[in-house]
Protein backbone atom coordinates (compact mmCIF):
# COMPACT_ATOMS: atom_id res chain seq x y z
CA MET A 1 9.50 -25.88 4.00
CA ASN A 2 8.40 -25.12 7.59
CA SER A 3 11.82 -26.19 8.93
CA PHE A 4 13.45 -23.55 6.76
CA PRO A 5 12.83 -19.99 8.09
CA VAL A 6 11.67 -18.56 4.77
CA ILE A 7 9.65 -15.73 6.26
CA SER A 8 12.32 -14.63 8.73
CA LEU A 9 14.86 -14.53 5.93
CA ILE A 10 12.50 -12.42 3.79
CA VAL A 11 11.88 -9.97 6.63
CA PHE A 12 15.37 -9.68 8.06
CA THR A 13 17.60 -9.89 4.98
CA PRO A 14 17.23 -6.08 4.60
CA LEU A 15 18.31 -5.77 8.24
CA LEU A 16 21.44 -7.72 7.37
CA GLY A 17 22.02 -5.13 4.67
CA VAL A 18 21.71 -2.40 7.32
CA LEU A 19 24.34 -4.09 9.48
CA LEU A 20 26.71 -4.33 6.51
CA LEU A 21 26.13 -0.68 5.64
CA LEU A 22 27.19 0.32 9.15
CA LEU A 23 30.61 -1.14 8.39
CA VAL A 24 31.07 0.74 5.10
CA PRO A 25 32.58 4.26 5.05
CA GLY A 26 29.97 6.89 4.24
CA THR A 27 32.03 8.19 1.33
CA ASN A 28 31.98 4.88 -0.54
CA HIS A 29 28.70 5.52 -2.34
CA ARG A 30 29.16 2.76 -4.89
CA ALA A 31 29.53 0.03 -2.24
CA ILE A 32 26.62 1.45 -0.22
CA ARG A 33 24.28 1.38 -3.21
CA TRP A 34 25.23 -2.14 -4.19
CA ILE A 35 24.86 -3.51 -0.65
CA ALA A 36 21.40 -1.94 -0.32
CA LEU A 37 20.30 -3.24 -3.71
CA LEU A 38 21.63 -6.75 -3.09
CA ALA A 39 19.89 -6.85 0.31
CA ALA A 40 16.57 -5.89 -1.32
CA LEU A 41 17.08 -8.31 -4.20
CA GLY A 42 17.99 -11.04 -1.72
CA SER A 43 14.72 -10.51 0.11
CA PHE A 44 12.87 -10.56 -3.22
CA ALA A 45 14.61 -13.77 -4.33
CA ILE A 46 13.71 -15.54 -1.08
CA SER A 47 10.12 -14.27 -1.33
CA LEU A 48 9.80 -16.17 -4.61
CA LEU A 49 9.82 -19.34 -2.49
CA LEU A 50 6.36 -18.28 -1.33
CA LEU A 51 5.13 -19.20 -4.79
CA GLY A 52 5.24 -22.74 -3.44
CA TYR A 53 2.20 -21.82 -1.32
CA GLU A 54 -0.22 -24.75 -1.52
CA ILE A 55 -3.68 -23.58 -2.54
CA GLY A 56 -6.19 -25.61 -0.57
CA GLY A 57 -3.65 -26.46 2.11
CA SER A 58 -3.46 -25.12 5.65
CA GLU A 59 -4.52 -21.51 6.16
CA PHE A 60 -1.13 -20.10 7.18
CA GLN A 61 1.90 -21.71 5.62
CA PHE A 62 5.67 -21.30 6.06
CA ARG A 63 4.82 -20.78 9.75
CA GLU A 64 7.40 -19.98 12.40
CA ASP A 65 6.46 -19.92 16.07
CA VAL A 66 9.11 -19.11 18.67
CA GLY A 67 8.81 -17.98 22.26
CA TRP A 68 9.44 -14.24 22.71
CA ILE A 69 8.00 -12.67 25.87
CA ASP A 70 6.15 -15.69 27.19
CA ALA A 71 5.29 -14.06 30.52
CA PHE A 72 2.97 -11.68 28.68
CA GLY A 73 1.73 -14.12 26.03
CA MET A 74 3.79 -12.56 23.25
CA ARG A 75 5.35 -14.87 20.68
CA TYR A 76 7.25 -14.48 17.44
CA THR A 77 4.63 -16.10 15.22
CA VAL A 78 4.70 -15.45 11.50
CA GLY A 79 3.11 -17.06 8.47
CA VAL A 80 1.47 -16.26 5.16
CA ASP A 81 -1.83 -16.97 3.49
CA GLY A 82 -2.84 -15.84 0.00
CA LEU A 83 -3.58 -12.28 1.13
CA SER A 84 -0.26 -11.66 2.85
CA MET A 85 1.67 -13.57 0.19
CA VAL A 86 0.71 -11.24 -2.68
CA LEU A 87 1.46 -8.17 -0.55
CA VAL A 88 4.86 -9.52 0.52
CA LEU A 89 5.79 -10.07 -3.13
CA LEU A 90 4.55 -6.57 -4.01
CA THR A 91 6.66 -5.10 -1.19
CA THR A 92 9.89 -6.82 -2.20
CA VAL A 93 9.46 -5.84 -5.86
CA LEU A 94 8.66 -2.17 -5.20
CA SER A 95 11.39 -1.83 -2.56
CA ALA A 96 14.02 -3.12 -4.99
CA VAL A 97 12.69 -0.76 -7.68
CA ALA A 98 12.79 2.22 -5.31
CA ILE A 99 16.32 1.44 -4.16
CA PHE A 100 17.63 1.02 -7.68
CA TYR A 101 15.92 4.17 -8.96
CA SER A 102 17.55 6.17 -6.13
CA TRP A 103 21.10 5.54 -7.36
CA GLU A 104 21.32 8.77 -9.34
CA PRO A 105 18.88 11.17 -7.58
CA ILE A 106 20.21 10.62 -4.04
CA GLN A 107 23.63 12.20 -3.68
CA LYS A 108 23.69 13.42 -0.07
CA ARG A 109 23.74 11.29 3.09
CA VAL A 110 23.62 8.24 0.88
CA LYS A 111 24.44 5.75 3.61
CA GLU A 112 21.75 7.03 5.95
CA TYR A 113 19.20 7.07 3.13
CA TYR A 114 19.63 3.39 2.25
CA ILE A 115 19.65 2.39 5.91
CA ALA A 116 16.28 4.13 6.29
CA ILE A 117 14.79 2.40 3.23
CA LEU A 118 15.99 -1.05 4.32
CA LEU A 119 14.58 -0.54 7.83
CA LEU A 120 11.31 0.58 6.28
CA MET A 121 11.31 -2.63 4.24
CA VAL A 122 11.72 -4.70 7.42
CA GLY A 123 8.76 -2.98 9.05
CA MET A 124 6.44 -3.32 6.06
CA LEU A 125 7.25 -7.00 5.49
CA GLY A 126 6.82 -7.75 9.18
CA VAL A 127 3.33 -6.23 9.21
CA PHE A 128 2.18 -8.55 6.42
CA VAL A 129 3.44 -11.76 8.05
CA ALA A 130 2.88 -11.22 11.79
CA LEU A 131 0.36 -13.61 13.36
CA ASP A 132 0.90 -12.31 16.88
CA MET A 133 -1.00 -9.04 17.29
CA PHE A 134 1.61 -7.43 19.51
CA LEU A 135 4.31 -8.39 17.01
CA PHE A 136 2.09 -6.85 14.33
CA TYR A 137 2.01 -3.62 16.34
CA VAL A 138 5.80 -3.63 16.75
CA PHE A 139 6.38 -3.98 13.00
CA TRP A 140 3.69 -1.33 12.35
CA GLU A 141 5.64 1.13 14.50
CA VAL A 142 8.96 0.13 12.94
CA SER A 143 7.61 1.21 9.55
CA LEU A 144 6.74 4.69 10.85
CA PHE A 145 10.13 6.14 11.77
CA PRO A 146 12.11 5.37 8.57
CA MET A 147 9.47 7.05 6.37
CA TYR A 148 9.52 10.04 8.72
CA VAL A 149 13.28 10.27 8.22
CA ILE A 150 13.11 9.78 4.43
CA ILE A 151 10.63 12.63 3.99
CA GLY A 152 12.19 14.86 6.65
CA VAL A 153 15.80 14.63 5.43
CA TRP A 154 15.56 14.06 1.67
CA GLY A 155 12.21 15.73 1.03
CA GLY A 156 11.20 19.06 -0.51
CA PRO A 157 11.06 22.59 0.92
CA ARG A 158 8.06 21.90 3.19
CA ARG A 159 9.35 18.55 4.38
CA VAL A 160 9.28 19.41 8.11
CA TYR A 161 5.59 20.34 7.96
CA ALA A 162 4.79 17.19 5.97
CA THR A 163 6.68 14.87 8.32
CA VAL A 164 5.18 16.34 11.49
CA LYS A 165 1.70 15.98 10.02
CA PHE A 166 2.46 12.42 8.87
CA VAL A 167 3.75 11.37 12.30
CA ILE A 168 0.93 12.99 14.30
CA TYR A 169 -1.77 11.34 12.21
CA THR A 170 -0.23 7.88 12.10
CA LEU A 171 1.04 7.85 15.68
CA VAL A 172 -2.37 8.74 17.11
CA GLY A 173 -3.94 5.98 15.04
CA SER A 174 -1.36 3.39 16.04
CA LEU A 175 -1.72 4.17 19.76
CA LEU A 176 -5.47 3.65 19.49
CA MET A 177 -4.76 0.36 17.74
CA LEU A 178 -2.53 -0.73 20.63
CA VAL A 179 -5.35 -0.01 23.08
CA ALA A 180 -7.72 -2.12 20.97
CA ILE A 181 -5.22 -5.00 20.79
CA LEU A 182 -4.82 -4.96 24.59
CA ALA A 183 -8.59 -4.78 25.07
CA VAL A 184 -9.39 -7.85 22.96
CA ALA A 185 -6.51 -9.82 24.51
CA ILE A 186 -7.67 -8.97 28.05
CA ALA A 187 -11.30 -9.78 27.21
CA HIS A 188 -10.22 -13.14 25.80
CA ALA A 189 -8.20 -13.92 28.94
CA ALA A 190 -11.08 -12.86 31.22
CA SER A 191 -13.10 -15.79 29.87
CA GLY A 192 -10.60 -18.19 31.43
CA GLN A 193 -8.42 -18.67 28.36
CA PRO A 194 -4.60 -18.28 28.54
CA PHE A 195 -3.47 -14.69 28.02
CA THR A 196 -2.27 -14.43 24.44
CA PHE A 197 -1.89 -12.06 21.53
CA SER A 198 -2.23 -14.85 18.96
CA TYR A 199 -4.41 -13.70 16.08
CA GLU A 200 -5.65 -17.24 15.50
CA ALA A 201 -6.67 -17.63 19.15
CA LEU A 202 -8.36 -14.24 19.39
CA ARG A 203 -10.22 -14.64 16.11
CA GLY A 204 -13.60 -16.26 16.49
CA PHE A 205 -14.00 -15.35 20.16
CA ALA A 206 -17.43 -13.92 21.04
CA TYR A 207 -16.59 -10.44 22.34
CA ALA A 208 -19.26 -8.33 24.02
CA ASP A 209 -21.07 -5.91 21.73
CA THR A 210 -19.77 -2.79 23.46
CA LEU A 211 -16.18 -4.02 23.38
CA GLN A 212 -16.52 -4.94 19.71
CA ALA A 213 -17.84 -1.48 18.87
CA LEU A 214 -15.11 0.38 20.77
CA ALA A 215 -12.32 -1.89 19.53
CA PHE A 216 -13.57 -1.65 15.95
CA VAL A 217 -13.58 2.16 16.12
CA ALA A 218 -10.02 2.15 17.45
CA PHE A 219 -8.84 -0.22 14.71
CA PHE A 220 -10.82 1.78 12.17
CA LEU A 221 -9.07 5.05 13.04
CA ALA A 222 -5.62 3.42 12.83
CA PHE A 223 -6.25 1.71 9.52
CA ALA A 224 -8.38 4.50 7.99
CA ILE A 225 -5.59 7.01 8.58
CA LYS A 226 -3.12 4.71 6.88
CA VAL A 227 -5.33 3.94 3.83
CA PRO A 228 -6.10 6.97 3.96
CA MET A 229 -9.88 7.36 4.00
CA TRP A 230 -11.68 10.65 3.84
CA PRO A 231 -11.58 12.74 6.07
CA PHE A 232 -8.29 11.36 7.44
CA HIS A 233 -6.45 11.81 4.14
CA THR A 234 -4.99 15.30 4.48
CA TRP A 235 -1.51 14.10 5.45
CA LEU A 236 -1.10 12.13 2.22
CA PRO A 237 -0.79 14.84 -0.49
CA ASP A 238 1.72 16.80 1.61
CA ALA A 239 3.77 13.68 2.32
CA HIS A 240 3.79 12.67 -1.36
CA VAL A 241 4.70 16.12 -2.67
CA GLU A 242 7.59 16.57 -0.22
CA ALA A 243 8.90 12.98 -0.31
CA PRO A 244 11.73 12.01 -2.66
CA THR A 245 10.62 9.91 -5.61
CA ALA A 246 11.54 6.56 -4.03
CA GLY A 247 9.71 7.59 -0.87
CA SER A 248 6.57 8.28 -2.90
CA ILE A 249 6.90 4.92 -4.68
CA ILE A 250 6.98 3.03 -1.38
CA LEU A 251 4.42 5.28 0.31
CA ALA A 252 1.83 4.80 -2.45
CA GLY A 253 2.82 1.27 -3.42
CA VAL A 254 3.09 -0.36 0.00
CA LEU A 255 2.51 1.84 3.05
CA LEU A 256 -1.08 2.69 2.12
CA LYS A 257 -1.73 -1.04 1.77
CA LEU A 258 -0.94 -1.54 5.45
CA GLY A 259 -4.26 0.09 6.24
CA GLY A 260 -6.22 -2.00 3.74
CA TYR A 261 -4.49 -5.13 4.98
CA GLY A 262 -5.35 -4.25 8.58
CA PHE A 263 -9.05 -4.06 7.74
CA LEU A 264 -9.03 -7.35 5.85
CA ARG A 265 -6.83 -9.27 8.27
CA PHE A 266 -8.04 -7.96 11.65
CA SER A 267 -11.13 -5.72 11.62
CA LEU A 268 -13.40 -8.03 9.61
CA PRO A 269 -12.49 -11.52 10.91
CA LEU A 270 -11.80 -10.42 14.50
CA LEU A 271 -14.81 -8.13 15.01
CA PRO A 272 -17.38 -9.24 12.42
CA ASP A 273 -20.49 -8.01 14.29
CA ALA A 274 -19.05 -4.51 14.52
CA ALA A 275 -17.90 -4.66 10.90
CA VAL A 276 -21.43 -5.45 9.72
CA SER A 277 -22.94 -2.69 11.84
CA PHE A 278 -20.46 -0.04 10.76
CA ALA A 279 -20.39 -1.14 7.10
CA PRO A 280 -22.98 1.39 5.80
CA ILE A 281 -21.00 4.26 7.33
CA ILE A 282 -17.70 3.02 5.93
CA ILE A 283 -19.21 2.44 2.48
CA GLY A 284 -20.51 6.00 2.59
CA LEU A 285 -17.06 7.33 3.52
CA ALA A 286 -15.52 5.21 0.75
CA LEU A 287 -17.86 6.72 -1.83
CA VAL A 288 -17.05 10.22 -0.59
CA ALA A 289 -13.33 9.42 -0.87
CA ILE A 290 -13.77 8.07 -4.41
CA ILE A 291 -15.67 11.15 -5.56
CA TYR A 292 -13.66 13.69 -3.57
CA GLY A 293 -10.29 12.27 -4.62
CA GLY A 294 -11.30 12.33 -8.28
CA LEU A 295 -12.71 15.87 -8.25
CA VAL A 296 -9.77 17.34 -6.32
CA ALA A 297 -7.28 15.53 -8.57
CA MET A 298 -8.99 17.11 -11.58
CA VAL A 299 -8.07 20.66 -10.46
CA GLN A 300 -4.53 20.01 -9.24
CA PRO A 301 -1.85 22.17 -10.91
CA ASP A 302 0.99 19.98 -9.57
CA LEU A 303 1.56 16.68 -11.40
CA LYS A 304 2.70 14.82 -8.31
CA LYS A 305 -0.19 16.08 -6.19
CA LEU A 306 -2.63 14.98 -8.91
CA VAL A 307 -1.28 11.43 -8.69
CA ALA A 308 -1.43 11.65 -4.88
CA TYR A 309 -5.12 12.59 -4.87
CA SER A 310 -5.83 9.85 -7.37
CA SER A 311 -4.57 7.46 -4.67
CA VAL A 312 -7.29 8.70 -2.32
CA SER A 313 -9.87 7.83 -4.97
CA HIS A 314 -8.38 4.45 -5.86
CA MET A 315 -8.01 3.37 -2.24
CA GLY A 316 -11.65 4.33 -1.78
CA PHE A 317 -12.43 1.48 -4.19
CA VAL A 318 -10.47 -0.84 -1.89
CA MET A 319 -12.59 0.14 1.10
CA LEU A 320 -15.80 -0.12 -0.91
CA GLY A 321 -14.93 -3.64 -2.06
CA ALA A 322 -13.92 -4.72 1.44
CA PHE A 323 -17.20 -3.73 3.09
CA VAL A 324 -19.78 -4.98 0.58
CA PHE A 325 -19.08 -8.44 2.02
CA ASN A 326 -19.23 -10.56 -1.10
CA GLU A 327 -16.66 -12.54 -3.06
CA GLN A 328 -16.36 -10.18 -6.03
CA GLY A 329 -16.02 -7.09 -3.86
CA LEU A 330 -13.39 -8.55 -1.55
CA GLN A 331 -11.35 -10.07 -4.37
CA GLY A 332 -11.56 -6.75 -6.19
CA ALA A 333 -10.36 -4.89 -3.08
CA ILE A 334 -7.27 -7.08 -2.78
CA TYR A 335 -6.57 -6.99 -6.50
CA GLN A 336 -7.00 -3.22 -6.52
CA MET A 337 -4.41 -2.91 -3.75
CA VAL A 338 -1.86 -4.84 -5.79
CA SER A 339 -2.66 -3.03 -9.03
CA HIS A 340 -2.62 0.39 -7.38
CA GLY A 341 0.80 -0.37 -5.90
CA VAL A 342 2.19 -1.12 -9.34
CA THR A 343 0.53 1.62 -11.40
CA THR A 344 0.81 4.48 -8.91
CA GLY A 345 4.35 3.50 -7.97
CA ALA A 346 5.28 3.65 -11.66
CA LEU A 347 3.54 7.02 -12.12
CA PHE A 348 5.45 8.50 -9.20
CA LEU A 349 8.68 7.11 -10.68
CA LEU A 350 7.90 8.75 -14.03
CA VAL A 351 7.04 12.06 -12.36
CA GLY A 352 10.43 11.84 -10.66
CA VAL A 353 12.17 11.33 -14.02
CA ILE A 354 10.95 14.65 -15.40
CA TYR A 355 11.36 16.44 -12.07
CA GLU A 356 15.03 15.47 -11.80
CA GLN A 357 15.63 17.24 -15.14
CA THR A 358 13.49 20.36 -14.71
CA HIS A 359 12.96 20.63 -10.92
CA ASP A 360 9.37 21.54 -11.70
CA ARG A 361 6.10 19.62 -11.57
CA LEU A 362 3.55 22.24 -12.62
CA ILE A 363 1.39 20.91 -15.44
CA ALA A 364 1.07 24.42 -16.91
CA HIS A 365 4.87 24.58 -17.30
CA MET A 366 4.96 21.46 -19.44
CA GLY A 367 3.59 20.57 -22.87
CA GLY A 368 4.77 18.90 -26.04
CA LEU A 369 6.91 16.29 -24.29
CA ASN A 370 5.77 13.59 -26.70
CA ALA A 371 7.81 15.20 -29.47
CA ARG A 372 11.01 15.42 -27.42
CA ILE A 373 10.95 12.31 -25.22
CA PRO A 374 8.59 9.83 -26.94
CA ARG A 375 9.60 6.71 -24.98
CA TYR A 376 8.92 8.53 -21.73
CA ALA A 377 5.54 9.62 -23.13
CA ALA A 378 4.71 6.05 -24.13
CA MET A 379 5.47 4.70 -20.65
CA PHE A 380 3.54 7.49 -18.98
CA GLY A 381 0.64 6.68 -21.27
CA LEU A 382 0.79 2.97 -20.43
CA PHE A 383 0.49 3.56 -16.70
CA THR A 384 -2.05 6.35 -17.15
CA PHE A 385 -4.33 3.95 -19.03
CA ALA A 386 -3.69 1.28 -16.39
CA SER A 387 -4.68 3.76 -13.69
CA ILE A 388 -8.03 4.54 -15.34
CA GLY A 389 -8.81 0.84 -15.78
CA LEU A 390 -8.26 0.15 -19.46
CA PRO A 391 -9.16 -3.52 -20.21
CA GLY A 392 -6.03 -5.59 -20.66
CA LEU A 393 -4.14 -3.72 -17.93
CA SER A 394 -4.14 -4.42 -14.19
CA GLY A 395 -6.36 -1.54 -13.09
CA PHE A 396 -9.37 -2.91 -14.95
CA ILE A 397 -9.63 -6.19 -13.02
CA GLY A 398 -9.77 -4.68 -9.54
CA GLU A 399 -12.20 -1.89 -10.42
CA PHE A 400 -14.46 -4.25 -12.38
CA LEU A 401 -14.68 -6.72 -9.50
CA VAL A 402 -15.35 -3.98 -6.94
CA VAL A 403 -18.12 -2.48 -9.07
CA LEU A 404 -19.58 -5.95 -9.64
CA GLY A 405 -19.55 -6.59 -5.90
CA ALA A 406 -21.11 -3.18 -5.29
CA PHE A 407 -23.94 -4.03 -7.70
CA ARG A 408 -24.67 -7.15 -5.67
CA TYR A 409 -24.76 -4.98 -2.53
CA ASN A 410 -26.72 -1.96 -3.78
CA GLY A 411 -27.39 -0.53 -7.24
CA PHE A 412 -27.05 3.11 -6.15
CA VAL A 413 -23.66 2.45 -4.57
CA ALA A 414 -22.45 0.74 -7.75
CA ALA A 415 -23.80 3.53 -9.98
CA THR A 416 -21.95 6.13 -7.90
CA ALA A 417 -18.71 4.18 -8.22
CA MET A 418 -19.21 3.91 -11.98
CA VAL A 419 -19.56 7.70 -12.29
CA VAL A 420 -16.21 8.11 -10.59
CA VAL A 421 -14.61 5.67 -13.05
CA ILE A 422 -15.55 8.23 -15.72
CA ILE A 423 -14.18 11.10 -13.60
CA SER A 424 -10.84 9.30 -13.23
CA ALA A 425 -10.59 8.96 -17.00
CA VAL A 426 -11.28 12.69 -17.35
CA TYR A 427 -8.60 13.96 -14.97
CA MET A 428 -5.93 11.45 -16.01
CA LEU A 429 -6.40 11.86 -19.77
CA TRP A 430 -6.70 15.65 -19.48
CA MET A 431 -3.43 15.68 -17.55
CA PHE A 432 -1.79 13.43 -20.13
CA GLN A 433 -2.95 15.64 -23.00
CA ARG A 434 -1.66 18.84 -21.34
CA VAL A 435 1.72 17.39 -20.45
CA PHE A 436 2.49 15.62 -23.72
CA PHE A 437 0.40 16.93 -26.61
CA THR A 438 0.07 20.69 -26.22
CA VAL A 439 2.47 23.40 -27.39
CA PRO A 440 5.50 23.53 -25.07
CA SER A 441 5.29 26.31 -22.50
CA ASP A 442 7.90 29.05 -22.34
CA TRP A 443 9.18 27.44 -19.14
CA MET A 444 9.64 24.03 -20.78
CA SER A 445 11.21 25.56 -23.89
CA ARG A 446 14.25 26.45 -21.78
CA PHE A 447 14.87 22.77 -21.07
CA TRP A 448 13.98 21.58 -24.57
CA PRO A 449 17.56 21.22 -25.88
CA VAL A 450 18.75 19.22 -22.84
CA LEU A 451 15.74 17.01 -22.09
CA ARG A 452 16.66 13.35 -22.29
CA ASP A 453 14.47 10.32 -22.73
CA ILE A 454 14.35 7.38 -20.33
CA ASN A 455 17.87 6.13 -19.59
CA ARG A 456 19.11 2.62 -18.89
CA ASN A 457 18.65 2.72 -15.10
CA GLU A 458 15.13 4.06 -15.44
CA TRP A 459 14.24 1.32 -17.94
CA ILE A 460 15.56 -1.31 -15.53
CA ALA A 461 13.51 0.18 -12.68
CA LEU A 462 10.38 0.35 -14.85
CA GLY A 463 10.84 -3.13 -16.34
CA PRO A 464 9.27 -5.18 -13.51
CA LEU A 465 6.36 -2.74 -13.26
CA ILE A 466 5.67 -2.95 -17.00
CA VAL A 467 5.60 -6.76 -16.80
CA LEU A 468 3.28 -6.70 -13.79
CA VAL A 469 0.83 -4.11 -15.12
CA VAL A 470 0.39 -6.09 -18.34
CA GLY A 471 0.58 -9.56 -16.79
CA LEU A 472 -1.94 -8.80 -14.05
CA GLY A 473 -4.26 -7.29 -16.64
CA VAL A 474 -4.09 -10.11 -19.16
CA TYR A 475 -3.91 -13.12 -16.82
CA PRO A 476 -5.39 -12.39 -13.35
CA GLY A 477 -6.24 -16.05 -12.68
CA PRO A 478 -3.27 -17.04 -10.48
CA VAL A 479 -3.69 -14.07 -8.13
CA LEU A 480 -7.44 -14.58 -7.86
CA GLU A 481 -6.88 -18.27 -7.06
CA ILE A 482 -4.36 -17.42 -4.35
CA ILE A 483 -6.60 -14.87 -2.62
CA ALA A 484 -9.80 -16.94 -2.94
CA ALA A 485 -9.38 -18.82 0.35
CA PRO A 486 -8.71 -15.70 2.50
CA VAL A 487 -11.74 -14.05 0.91
CA ASP A 488 -13.91 -17.08 1.70
CA ARG A 489 -12.78 -16.99 5.35
CA ILE A 490 -13.65 -13.30 5.67
CA ILE A 491 -17.10 -13.93 4.19
CA GLU A 492 -17.56 -16.92 6.51
CA ALA A 493 -16.70 -14.77 9.54
CA VAL A 494 -19.09 -12.02 8.47
CA ASN A 495 -21.86 -14.51 7.73
CA GLY A 496 -21.27 -15.90 11.20
CA ALA A 497 -22.28 -12.47 12.48
CA GLY A 498 -25.61 -13.05 10.76
CA LEU A 499 -25.16 -10.02 8.51
CA THR A 500 -27.09 -8.13 11.20
CA GLY A 501 -24.37 -6.73 13.42
CA PHE A 502 -25.33 -5.48 16.87
CA GLY A 503 -28.71 -4.05 15.99
CA PRO A 504 -29.36 -2.31 19.32
CA LEU A 505 -26.45 0.11 18.89
CA TRP A 506 -28.16 1.69 15.89
């Protein structure tokens, strides 16, 4: 399989779609939509070859290593392990869903819209497969501009404010990350080794304590903004509320995972001493995010903003699981990332369905929708219960493993996380009751005669997400087997730090 460029085809098939779109007249919306969808589906179909990943084989498989800027030690090196594999598959699925769902809602600047989504897909996929740290940075930056354009052009009334805030936050973080990448590469070369940005070469090198601390803080700010962790989260609700529905699906489903992936792929294995020393602070911030996100979501009047703040809480579980440094916690963090991508992406899609009909998202303006659009209510209920961690659905596995790992780390930390599990049930079920089972508001009564249930296109878009949310909840074994080896390597790296960190810094 290594002689066949599987990963390059996965990453750059959407770029081929962009090149084809440039040749199509902007008025031919039908051809534009089909080219974009086929490009995304092509990438998804090729990504299925990754299911041939050999558990117990070499760490990174389907590798490609080609000279790029050899004078500066930069190479085009890509590959996947279990961690990146599951996130690549999640990205290709959600990107295809977002593109297909957009067929009806997006009616202006259609060509430019699909070009932006396909370029965004290239950037996100590249982040998950890059094994050269400078290449990782390039793909990280590539994913920034298309989302800026999607929100800024096709977003809501306050889209300019949301995009400026989004870019300032993420650009500052990414520049700090670039400084950290250069610092570790230079420190590695100063020891007499060849100058390189290879992740595999830089990992395991004994960096000085001060450099580890400073580099870890720089990486932390870049990845924490992307997750986003409290208090770096304020860009997220604005971006979600102003983004078009497909933008919110990709933002919640994939873009937030870039931050979690950065911590698991780079911060922990590359700088384990610093990770151990900073872990209590990060766990504290994660608990604040879990509690804060849940409490703020509970009082949100806007349906989309409620789902956005729930993401802050759910991604807090990811960070908690990542930094308790045990098998259950780390597996739960990765599983929670995948589950959150599916459930929250589906919830944003369903919010978009009702918004396209009423152009309103205020919970107080809704009510009684179960009587008028029962299939929509059933699907919203399915993903609501998945979001709060109902056993048998995907959300339960990740949260259960994180809480189990937290118990092994500290009983108080686990008890705090458990309280927030109850809070999430409160705000999600209260929202569901107000939207679907109360008397219709006067506002909603105006739309009552014309409200339609889920149509064919929406069922097709929801179909893969329904399969995943049930399948991942009923049979988590294959995913847990795939991510077991990456988790073991992270634990091995942290244990190599002696679980003591620097000591003198604190």
